[in-house]
Amino acid sequence: MTDYICRLMQEEDLSEVVDLVKSASDYPWSLQNIRESLFSNYDKAFVLCSLSGLEILAFAVIHKVLDESHLQNIVIKKEEQGRGLGSYFLEQLIKFVKDQNQHTLLLEVRASNAIAIKLYESIGFQLDGIRKGYYPKGSGREDARLYSLSFV
């Protein structure tokens, strides 16, 4: 999959990323969340673009704490889902984390997100536990599955 470019998000990407996140998620991050991740000293916001760089296809945020990184959000453009972009993008993000000498990549995922769970487990993420009622869901709450990928 060399038809894509994974790069750090720039301020001029903000509007397109907000649109992508809103269209691809039932509970999207707000403009404020995305803006804060872009300008944080501890977060790195990434985008996956078409080779031409004209279209943003995915967005992710990694938060660094000491020797661990936390994948806070990863979103693939709705029209591009199911084509292997999630796997490719996640592999690029893992490479970044390893290159930063991080020991572990952590994440949480909705218990109902079977596609993402299958992807994470196929890459080698280990289930560490369940966080009860972590995510909003309709009029109730949904559990989060907690995963980690160790590099040591």
Protein backbone atom coordinates (compact mmCIF):
# COMPACT_ATOMS: atom_id res chain seq x y z
CA MET A 1 0.00 0.00 0.00
CA THR A 2 2.37 2.68 -1.16
CA ASP A 3 -0.39 4.84 -2.60
CA TYR A 4 -0.69 6.70 0.70
CA ILE A 5 1.23 9.16 2.82
CA CYS A 6 1.13 9.06 6.62
CA ARG A 7 2.15 12.43 8.06
CA LEU A 8 1.68 14.69 11.03
CA MET A 9 -1.52 16.69 10.87
CA GLN A 10 -1.15 20.39 10.07
CA GLU A 11 -3.37 23.26 11.15
CA GLU A 12 -4.68 23.65 7.60
CA ASP A 13 -6.02 20.05 7.81
CA LEU A 14 -8.34 20.91 10.70
CA SER A 15 -11.54 21.53 8.75
CA GLU A 16 -11.19 18.41 6.61
CA VAL A 17 -10.35 16.26 9.63
CA VAL A 18 -13.36 17.55 11.57
CA ASP A 19 -15.61 16.68 8.60
CA LEU A 20 -14.05 13.22 8.27
CA VAL A 21 -14.48 12.46 11.98
CA LYS A 22 -18.10 13.69 12.02
CA SER A 23 -19.06 11.61 9.00
CA ALA A 24 -17.35 8.39 10.15
CA SER A 25 -18.29 8.22 13.83
CA ASP A 26 -21.51 8.04 15.81
CA TYR A 27 -19.74 9.82 18.69
CA PRO A 28 -17.17 12.05 16.99
CA TRP A 29 -14.53 14.15 18.65
CA SER A 30 -15.37 17.83 18.71
CA LEU A 31 -13.44 20.56 16.94
CA GLN A 32 -12.03 21.47 20.37
CA ASN A 33 -10.79 17.89 20.98
CA ILE A 34 -9.09 17.75 17.61
CA ARG A 35 -7.59 21.23 17.95
CA GLU A 36 -6.21 20.40 21.41
CA SER A 37 -4.58 17.22 20.12
CA LEU A 38 -3.00 19.16 17.27
CA PHE A 39 -1.36 21.72 19.54
CA SER A 40 -0.58 19.55 22.59
CA ASN A 41 3.00 18.93 23.66
CA TYR A 42 2.10 15.33 24.53
CA ASP A 43 -0.08 14.35 21.58
CA LYS A 44 0.80 13.67 17.96
CA ALA A 45 -2.04 13.95 15.47
CA PHE A 46 -1.59 12.04 12.22
CA VAL A 47 -3.41 11.92 8.91
CA LEU A 48 -3.29 9.37 6.13
CA CYS A 49 -3.56 11.03 2.72
CA SER A 50 -3.86 9.92 -0.85
CA LEU A 51 -0.48 9.93 -2.61
CA SER A 52 -1.40 13.25 -4.23
CA GLY A 53 -1.90 14.62 -0.72
CA LEU A 54 -5.17 16.20 -1.81
CA GLU A 55 -7.50 14.02 0.23
CA ILE A 56 -7.32 13.02 3.89
CA LEU A 57 -8.51 9.44 4.32
CA ALA A 58 -7.82 8.82 8.02
CA PHE A 59 -6.99 10.56 11.29
CA ALA A 60 -5.35 9.36 14.51
CA VAL A 61 -3.98 10.74 17.76
CA ILE A 62 -1.24 9.19 19.86
CA HIS A 63 -0.64 10.45 23.40
CA LYS A 64 2.82 9.88 24.88
CA VAL A 65 3.40 9.34 28.61
CA LEU A 66 6.96 8.41 29.61
CA ASP A 67 7.70 5.10 27.82
CA GLU A 68 4.11 4.36 26.83
CA SER A 69 1.91 5.63 24.04
CA HIS A 70 -1.88 5.63 23.98
CA LEU A 71 -3.84 5.51 20.73
CA GLN A 72 -6.57 7.95 21.69
CA ASN A 73 -8.46 7.98 18.42
CA ILE A 74 -8.27 6.44 14.97
CA VAL A 75 -10.88 7.17 12.30
CA ILE A 76 -11.01 5.96 8.70
CA LYS A 77 -13.11 7.86 6.17
CA LYS A 78 -16.46 6.06 5.86
CA GLU A 79 -16.13 5.53 2.09
CA GLU A 80 -12.65 4.03 2.53
CA GLN A 81 -13.48 1.51 5.28
CA GLY A 82 -13.04 -2.18 4.46
CA ARG A 83 -10.14 -1.61 2.03
CA GLY A 84 -7.23 -2.30 4.38
CA LEU A 85 -6.52 1.35 5.19
CA GLY A 86 -7.09 0.84 8.90
CA SER A 87 -4.49 -1.92 9.00
CA TYR A 88 -2.01 0.07 6.93
CA PHE A 89 -2.49 3.25 8.98
CA LEU A 90 -2.18 1.35 12.27
CA GLU A 91 1.06 -0.26 11.06
CA GLN A 92 2.45 3.22 10.28
CA LEU A 93 1.43 4.46 13.73
CA ILE A 94 3.06 1.44 15.39
CA LYS A 95 6.26 2.14 13.47
CA PHE A 96 6.20 5.74 14.75
CA VAL A 97 5.71 4.55 18.34
CA LYS A 98 8.58 2.06 18.05
CA ASP A 99 10.83 4.73 16.50
CA GLN A 100 10.14 6.89 19.58
CA ASN A 101 11.51 4.07 21.80
CA GLN A 102 8.15 3.55 23.42
CA HIS A 103 7.68 0.19 25.19
CA THR A 104 3.91 -0.17 24.88
CA LEU A 105 0.99 1.05 22.80
CA LEU A 106 -2.32 1.15 24.67
CA LEU A 107 -5.86 1.63 23.39
CA GLU A 108 -9.48 1.13 24.27
CA VAL A 109 -12.21 0.14 21.86
CA ARG A 110 -15.98 -0.18 22.09
CA ALA A 111 -16.96 -3.72 23.00
CA SER A 112 -19.37 -3.71 20.04
CA ASN A 113 -16.69 -2.73 17.47
CA ALA A 114 -15.98 -6.27 16.25
CA ILE A 115 -14.11 -5.14 13.12
CA ALA A 116 -11.62 -3.02 15.09
CA ILE A 117 -11.21 -5.74 17.74
CA LYS A 118 -10.40 -8.29 15.03
CA LEU A 119 -7.82 -5.91 13.52
CA TYR A 120 -6.14 -5.15 16.87
CA GLU A 121 -5.97 -8.81 17.84
CA SER A 122 -4.62 -9.82 14.41
CA ILE A 123 -1.74 -7.35 14.86
CA GLY A 124 -0.94 -8.78 18.29
CA PHE A 125 -2.69 -6.50 20.77
CA GLN A 126 -3.49 -8.31 24.02
CA LEU A 127 -6.74 -7.83 25.92
CA ASP A 128 -5.90 -6.40 29.34
CA GLY A 129 -9.37 -5.83 30.75
CA ILE A 130 -12.79 -4.25 30.47
CA ARG A 131 -13.77 -0.74 31.52
CA LYS A 132 -17.48 -0.91 32.37
CA GLY A 133 -19.76 1.79 30.99
CA TYR A 134 -16.89 3.79 29.46
CA TYR A 135 -18.53 4.94 26.23
CA PRO A 136 -21.89 6.68 25.67
CA LYS A 137 -24.33 4.61 23.63
CA GLY A 138 -27.80 5.87 22.82
CA SER A 139 -29.48 6.40 26.16
CA GLY A 140 -27.05 4.14 28.01
CA ARG A 141 -23.37 3.25 28.24
CA GLU A 142 -21.09 0.70 26.58
CA ASP A 143 -18.04 -1.14 27.89
CA ALA A 144 -14.55 -0.52 26.56
CA ARG A 145 -12.09 -3.34 25.90
CA LEU A 146 -8.56 -2.34 26.97
CA TYR A 147 -5.67 -3.54 24.82
CA SER A 148 -1.90 -3.25 24.81
CA LEU A 149 0.88 -4.06 22.37
CA SER A 150 4.30 -4.52 23.96
CA PHE A 151 7.56 -3.84 22.11
CA VAL A 152 9.91 -5.23 24.77
